[in-house]
Amino acid sequence: MKAKYTQVAASPAGLFDYPTGKAGLETLGYDPEVLSAFPDQLFESFCGVGNHFAENNIKEGDTVLDIGCGAGVDLLFAAQLVGKEGHIYGIDSTEAMLAVAEQMIEKYRLVNITTSFVASEAIPYSDDMFDVVISNGVINLFIDKLKLFKEVYRVLKPGGVLQFADVMATEDLAGPLSVRIASWSQ
């Protein structure tokens, strides 16, 4: 899967069975005002499956964790919501995706975003640190989901919000393991 998401960092076009890039953001109802404030090129690597921002759970001053932050599109949207007093942390297991996110952060001088490479379910942050944890189409890629959810609840503040969008299989996946693994990321 790492090879696929390295390719997604350049462009997800043709790799998924749903709209990606700016078309995906528009289809999912992302704020058109934020979309119009940045060049379309910034959104090219987006391949999320939902829009957590429609629920309005992220408030000014919040500390937010994005699990599987990818190229940083959701980091950018969350940064608009938390304002100067809040902070966004993004973790991802694909160096190429993080490189795209870090270029965006640097280019737009987004000082309230921190990214980290994380190659396992272990989240490298303190207990009770985050007001909101988000993830967009990534939890299904983790093998040990129970461990991941335990980590999420460890780092969430009491009363914090976990908000994620993902895909799931509704029937058994037949075929060799390699075919089933490829299906996880579709």
C-alpha atoms as a PDB file:
ATOM      1  CA  MET A   1       0.000   0.000   0.000  1.00  0.00           C
ATOM      2  CA  LYS A   2       2.885   2.345   0.643  1.00  0.00           C
ATOM      3  CA  ALA A   3       3.732   2.313  -3.082  1.00  0.00           C
ATOM      4  CA  LYS A   4       0.145   3.237  -3.959  1.00  0.00           C
ATOM      5  CA  TYR A   5       0.079   6.216  -1.590  1.00  0.00           C
ATOM      6  CA  THR A   6       3.492   7.341  -2.793  1.00  0.00           C
ATOM      7  CA  GLN A   7       1.881   7.482  -6.230  1.00  0.00           C
ATOM      8  CA  VAL A   8      -1.154   9.300  -4.770  1.00  0.00           C
ATOM      9  CA  ALA A   9       1.190  12.031  -3.499  1.00  0.00           C
ATOM     10  CA  ALA A  10       1.794  12.941  -7.153  1.00  0.00           C
ATOM     11  CA  SER A  11      -1.802  12.367  -8.276  1.00  0.00           C
ATOM     12  CA  PRO A  12      -4.606  10.004  -7.251  1.00  0.00           C
ATOM     13  CA  ALA A  13      -6.195  10.212 -10.708  1.00  0.00           C
ATOM     14  CA  GLY A  14      -7.419   6.785 -11.805  1.00  0.00           C
ATOM     15  CA  LEU A  15      -6.410   5.034  -8.568  1.00  0.00           C
ATOM     16  CA  PHE A  16      -9.791   5.140  -6.830  1.00  0.00           C
ATOM     17  CA  ASP A  17     -13.388   4.368  -7.755  1.00  0.00           C
ATOM     18  CA  TYR A  18     -14.615   7.781  -6.561  1.00  0.00           C
ATOM     19  CA  PRO A  19     -13.833  11.440  -7.343  1.00  0.00           C
ATOM     20  CA  THR A  20     -10.494  12.716  -6.045  1.00  0.00           C
ATOM     21  CA  GLY A  21      -8.678  16.046  -6.097  1.00  0.00           C
ATOM     22  CA  LYS A  22     -10.763  19.216  -6.172  1.00  0.00           C
ATOM     23  CA  ALA A  23     -13.700  17.332  -7.754  1.00  0.00           C
ATOM     24  CA  GLY A  24     -13.729  15.007  -4.727  1.00  0.00           C
ATOM     25  CA  LEU A  25     -13.722  17.951  -2.324  1.00  0.00           C
ATOM     26  CA  GLU A  26     -16.603  19.584  -4.180  1.00  0.00           C
ATOM     27  CA  THR A  27     -18.563  16.302  -4.298  1.00  0.00           C
ATOM     28  CA  LEU A  28     -18.144  15.880  -0.533  1.00  0.00           C
ATOM     29  CA  GLY A  29     -19.335  19.437   0.155  1.00  0.00           C
ATOM     30  CA  TYR A  30     -16.116  21.054   1.371  1.00  0.00           C
ATOM     31  CA  ASP A  31     -16.438  24.812   1.946  1.00  0.00           C
ATOM     32  CA  PRO A  32     -16.278  26.497  -1.478  1.00  0.00           C
ATOM     33  CA  GLU A  33     -14.924  29.688   0.110  1.00  0.00           C
ATOM     34  CA  VAL A  34     -11.831  27.853   1.386  1.00  0.00           C
ATOM     35  CA  LEU A  35     -11.507  25.987  -1.920  1.00  0.00           C
ATOM     36  CA  SER A  36     -11.508  29.251  -3.859  1.00  0.00           C
ATOM     37  CA  ALA A  37      -8.870  30.810  -1.583  1.00  0.00           C
ATOM     38  CA  PHE A  38      -6.161  28.389  -2.729  1.00  0.00           C
ATOM     39  CA  PRO A  39      -4.928  27.178  -6.131  1.00  0.00           C
ATOM     40  CA  ASP A  40      -6.484  23.966  -7.476  1.00  0.00           C
ATOM     41  CA  GLN A  41      -3.010  22.380  -7.574  1.00  0.00           C
ATOM     42  CA  LEU A  42      -3.011  22.293  -3.767  1.00  0.00           C
ATOM     43  CA  PHE A  43      -5.913  19.835  -3.804  1.00  0.00           C
ATOM     44  CA  GLU A  44      -4.571  17.415  -6.441  1.00  0.00           C
ATOM     45  CA  SER A  45      -3.564  14.672  -3.976  1.00  0.00           C
ATOM     46  CA  PHE A  46      -6.857  14.630  -2.059  1.00  0.00           C
ATOM     47  CA  CYS A  47      -8.472  11.172  -1.945  1.00  0.00           C
ATOM     48  CA  GLY A  48     -10.660  11.377   1.151  1.00  0.00           C
ATOM     49  CA  VAL A  49     -14.051   9.686   1.419  1.00  0.00           C
ATOM     50  CA  GLY A  50     -15.950  12.120   3.661  1.00  0.00           C
ATOM     51  CA  ASN A  51     -16.202  15.656   5.003  1.00  0.00           C
ATOM     52  CA  HIS A  52     -15.742  15.900   8.775  1.00  0.00           C
ATOM     53  CA  PHE A  53     -16.039  19.662   8.634  1.00  0.00           C
ATOM     54  CA  ALA A  54     -19.765  19.505   7.823  1.00  0.00           C
ATOM     55  CA  GLU A  55     -20.452  18.529  11.458  1.00  0.00           C
ATOM     56  CA  ASN A  56     -18.844  21.711  12.898  1.00  0.00           C
ATOM     57  CA  ASN A  57     -17.081  19.840  15.709  1.00  0.00           C
ATOM     58  CA  ILE A  58     -13.829  21.773  15.321  1.00  0.00           C
ATOM     59  CA  LYS A  59     -13.861  25.125  17.098  1.00  0.00           C
ATOM     60  CA  GLU A  60     -11.535  28.088  17.361  1.00  0.00           C
ATOM     61  CA  GLY A  61      -8.681  27.326  19.745  1.00  0.00           C
ATOM     62  CA  ASP A  62      -9.020  23.520  19.487  1.00  0.00           C
ATOM     63  CA  THR A  63      -6.113  21.106  19.268  1.00  0.00           C
ATOM     64  CA  VAL A  64      -6.805  18.602  16.480  1.00  0.00           C
ATOM     65  CA  LEU A  65      -5.122  15.375  15.365  1.00  0.00           C
ATOM     66  CA  ASP A  66      -5.517  14.165  11.766  1.00  0.00           C
ATOM     67  CA  ILE A  67      -4.699  10.459  11.491  1.00  0.00           C
ATOM     68  CA  GLY A  68      -3.486   9.760   7.962  1.00  0.00           C
ATOM     69  CA  CYS A  69      -3.157  13.429   7.068  1.00  0.00           C
ATOM     70  CA  GLY A  70      -1.852  12.583   3.609  1.00  0.00           C
ATOM     71  CA  ALA A  71      -0.985  15.606   1.487  1.00  0.00           C
ATOM     72  CA  GLY A  72      -2.465  17.954   4.086  1.00  0.00           C
ATOM     73  CA  VAL A  73      -5.793  19.079   2.612  1.00  0.00           C
ATOM     74  CA  ASP A  74      -7.740  18.351   5.811  1.00  0.00           C
ATOM     75  CA  LEU A  75      -4.928  19.963   7.819  1.00  0.00           C
ATOM     76  CA  LEU A  76      -5.481  23.140   5.819  1.00  0.00           C
ATOM     77  CA  PHE A  77      -9.247  23.109   6.394  1.00  0.00           C
ATOM     78  CA  ALA A  78      -8.851  22.380  10.113  1.00  0.00           C
ATOM     79  CA  ALA A  79      -6.302  25.204  10.443  1.00  0.00           C
ATOM     80  CA  GLN A  80      -8.904  27.638   9.098  1.00  0.00           C
ATOM     81  CA  LEU A  81     -11.303  26.535  11.848  1.00  0.00           C
ATOM     82  CA  VAL A  82      -8.974  26.525  14.884  1.00  0.00           C
ATOM     83  CA  GLY A  83      -7.509  29.936  14.100  1.00  0.00           C
ATOM     84  CA  LYS A  84      -4.289  31.308  15.532  1.00  0.00           C
ATOM     85  CA  GLU A  85      -4.957  29.980  19.024  1.00  0.00           C
ATOM     86  CA  GLY A  86      -5.483  26.371  17.941  1.00  0.00           C
ATOM     87  CA  HIS A  87      -3.065  23.770  16.623  1.00  0.00           C
ATOM     88  CA  ILE A  88      -3.323  20.902  14.157  1.00  0.00           C
ATOM     89  CA  TYR A  89      -1.163  17.770  14.249  1.00  0.00           C
ATOM     90  CA  GLY A  90      -1.039  15.436  11.288  1.00  0.00           C
ATOM     91  CA  ILE A  91       0.417  11.929  11.221  1.00  0.00           C
ATOM     92  CA  ASP A  92       0.950   9.726   8.188  1.00  0.00           C
ATOM     93  CA  SER A  93       2.897   6.594   7.272  1.00  0.00           C
ATOM     94  CA  THR A  94       3.848   7.650   3.748  1.00  0.00           C
ATOM     95  CA  GLU A  95       6.854   9.949   3.487  1.00  0.00           C
ATOM     96  CA  ALA A  96       5.858  11.213   0.027  1.00  0.00           C
ATOM     97  CA  MET A  97       2.441  12.316   1.281  1.00  0.00           C
ATOM     98  CA  LEU A  98       3.996  14.089   4.270  1.00  0.00           C
ATOM     99  CA  ALA A  99       6.459  15.835   1.953  1.00  0.00           C
ATOM    100  CA  VAL A 100       3.544  17.292  -0.030  1.00  0.00           C
ATOM    101  CA  ALA A 101       1.841  18.391   3.210  1.00  0.00           C
ATOM    102  CA  GLU A 102       5.025  19.981   4.525  1.00  0.00           C
ATOM    103  CA  GLN A 103       5.539  21.894   1.260  1.00  0.00           C
ATOM    104  CA  MET A 104       1.991  23.257   1.567  1.00  0.00           C
ATOM    105  CA  ILE A 105       2.540  24.211   5.216  1.00  0.00           C
ATOM    106  CA  GLU A 106       5.760  26.030   4.350  1.00  0.00           C
ATOM    107  CA  LYS A 107       4.391  27.726   1.224  1.00  0.00           C
ATOM    108  CA  TYR A 108       1.358  29.144   3.044  1.00  0.00           C
ATOM    109  CA  ARG A 109       3.256  29.803   6.293  1.00  0.00           C
ATOM    110  CA  LEU A 110       0.831  27.775   8.368  1.00  0.00           C
ATOM    111  CA  VAL A 111       2.561  27.955  11.738  1.00  0.00           C
ATOM    112  CA  ASN A 112      -0.170  26.125  13.638  1.00  0.00           C
ATOM    113  CA  ILE A 113       0.338  22.763  11.877  1.00  0.00           C
ATOM    114  CA  THR A 114       2.835  20.054  12.859  1.00  0.00           C
ATOM    115  CA  THR A 115       3.302  16.807  10.920  1.00  0.00           C
ATOM    116  CA  SER A 116       4.991  13.561  11.916  1.00  0.00           C
ATOM    117  CA  PHE A 117       5.844  10.271  10.264  1.00  0.00           C
ATOM    118  CA  VAL A 118       4.174   7.406  12.155  1.00  0.00           C
ATOM    119  CA  ALA A 119       4.489   3.841  10.866  1.00  0.00           C
ATOM    120  CA  SER A 120       2.252   2.025  13.366  1.00  0.00           C
ATOM    121  CA  GLU A 121      -0.924   2.299  15.389  1.00  0.00           C
ATOM    122  CA  ALA A 122       1.004   3.980  18.219  1.00  0.00           C
ATOM    123  CA  ILE A 123       0.208   7.703  18.362  1.00  0.00           C
ATOM    124  CA  PRO A 124       3.269   9.665  19.574  1.00  0.00           C
ATOM    125  CA  TYR A 125       1.397  12.244  21.654  1.00  0.00           C
ATOM    126  CA  SER A 126       0.416  12.710  25.299  1.00  0.00           C
ATOM    127  CA  ASP A 127      -2.714  11.440  26.997  1.00  0.00           C
ATOM    128  CA  ASP A 128      -5.704  13.811  26.889  1.00  0.00           C
ATOM    129  CA  MET A 129      -4.052  16.141  24.356  1.00  0.00           C
ATOM    130  CA  PHE A 130      -6.661  16.581  21.602  1.00  0.00           C
ATOM    131  CA  ASP A 131     -10.107  18.154  21.477  1.00  0.00           C
ATOM    132  CA  VAL A 132     -10.870  16.465  18.152  1.00  0.00           C
ATOM    133  CA  VAL A 133      -9.352  13.528  16.263  1.00  0.00           C
ATOM    134  CA  ILE A 134     -10.205  13.216  12.572  1.00  0.00           C
ATOM    135  CA  SER A 135      -9.378  10.669   9.895  1.00  0.00           C
ATOM    136  CA  ASN A 136     -10.508  10.564   6.290  1.00  0.00           C
ATOM    137  CA  GLY A 137     -10.447   7.150   4.631  1.00  0.00           C
ATOM    138  CA  VAL A 138      -7.439   5.826   6.535  1.00  0.00           C
ATOM    139  CA  ILE A 139      -8.589   3.771   9.521  1.00  0.00           C
ATOM    140  CA  ASN A 140      -9.467   0.890   7.192  1.00  0.00           C
ATOM    141  CA  LEU A 141      -5.774   0.719   6.235  1.00  0.00           C
ATOM    142  CA  PHE A 142      -4.654  -0.102   9.791  1.00  0.00           C
ATOM    143  CA  ILE A 143      -4.316  -3.784  10.542  1.00  0.00           C
ATOM    144  CA  ASP A 144      -4.815  -3.554  14.330  1.00  0.00           C
ATOM    145  CA  LYS A 145      -7.869  -1.287  14.524  1.00  0.00           C
ATOM    146  CA  LEU A 146      -8.513  -2.071  18.190  1.00  0.00           C
ATOM    147  CA  LYS A 147      -5.021  -0.852  19.098  1.00  0.00           C
ATOM    148  CA  LEU A 148      -5.549   2.277  16.991  1.00  0.00           C
ATOM    149  CA  PHE A 149      -8.885   3.086  18.659  1.00  0.00           C
ATOM    150  CA  LYS A 150      -7.354   2.571  22.107  1.00  0.00           C
ATOM    151  CA  GLU A 151      -4.634   5.047  21.126  1.00  0.00           C
ATOM    152  CA  VAL A 152      -7.208   7.524  19.823  1.00  0.00           C
ATOM    153  CA  TYR A 153      -9.136   7.421  23.085  1.00  0.00           C
ATOM    154  CA  ARG A 154      -5.896   7.746  25.049  1.00  0.00           C
ATOM    155  CA  VAL A 155      -4.936  11.002  23.285  1.00  0.00           C
ATOM    156  CA  LEU A 156      -8.459  12.494  23.267  1.00  0.00           C
ATOM    157  CA  LYS A 157      -9.345  14.882  26.068  1.00  0.00           C
ATOM    158  CA  PRO A 158     -12.306  13.841  28.224  1.00  0.00           C
ATOM    159  CA  GLY A 159     -15.379  14.816  26.203  1.00  0.00           C
ATOM    160  CA  GLY A 160     -13.286  15.032  23.028  1.00  0.00           C
ATOM    161  CA  VAL A 161     -14.647  14.071  19.636  1.00  0.00           C
ATOM    162  CA  LEU A 162     -13.522  11.342  17.245  1.00  0.00           C
ATOM    163  CA  GLN A 163     -14.831  12.055  13.793  1.00  0.00           C
ATOM    164  CA  PHE A 164     -13.859   9.892  10.864  1.00  0.00           C
ATOM    165  CA  ALA A 165     -15.069   8.863   7.448  1.00  0.00           C
ATOM    166  CA  ASP A 166     -14.080   5.540   5.985  1.00  0.00           C
ATOM    167  CA  VAL A 167     -15.043   2.698   3.699  1.00  0.00           C
ATOM    168  CA  MET A 168     -15.821  -0.842   4.755  1.00  0.00           C
ATOM    169  CA  ALA A 169     -16.450  -4.180   3.149  1.00  0.00           C
ATOM    170  CA  THR A 170     -20.014  -5.406   3.431  1.00  0.00           C
ATOM    171  CA  GLU A 171     -19.179  -8.926   2.323  1.00  0.00           C
ATOM    172  CA  ASP A 172     -16.239 -11.323   2.550  1.00  0.00           C
ATOM    173  CA  LEU A 173     -13.391 -10.521   0.190  1.00  0.00           C
ATOM    174  CA  ALA A 174     -12.501 -13.569  -1.873  1.00  0.00           C
ATOM    175  CA  GLY A 175      -9.220 -14.270  -3.599  1.00  0.00           C
ATOM    176  CA  PRO A 176      -5.588 -14.214  -2.670  1.00  0.00           C
ATOM    177  CA  LEU A 177      -4.349 -11.931   0.088  1.00  0.00           C
ATOM    178  CA  SER A 178      -2.799  -9.450  -2.361  1.00  0.00           C
ATOM    179  CA  VAL A 179      -6.168  -8.849  -4.018  1.00  0.00           C
ATOM    180  CA  ARG A 180      -7.860  -8.382  -0.634  1.00  0.00           C
ATOM    181  CA  ILE A 181      -5.175  -5.939   0.519  1.00  0.00           C
ATOM    182  CA  ALA A 182      -5.547  -3.886  -2.669  1.00  0.00           C
ATOM    183  CA  SER A 183      -9.293  -3.786  -2.047  1.00  0.00           C
ATOM    184  CA  TRP A 184      -8.787  -2.189   1.374  1.00  0.00           C
ATOM    185  CA  SER A 185      -7.618   0.987  -0.262  1.00  0.00           C
ATOM    186  CA  GLN A 186     -10.395   1.271  -2.835  1.00  0.00           C
END
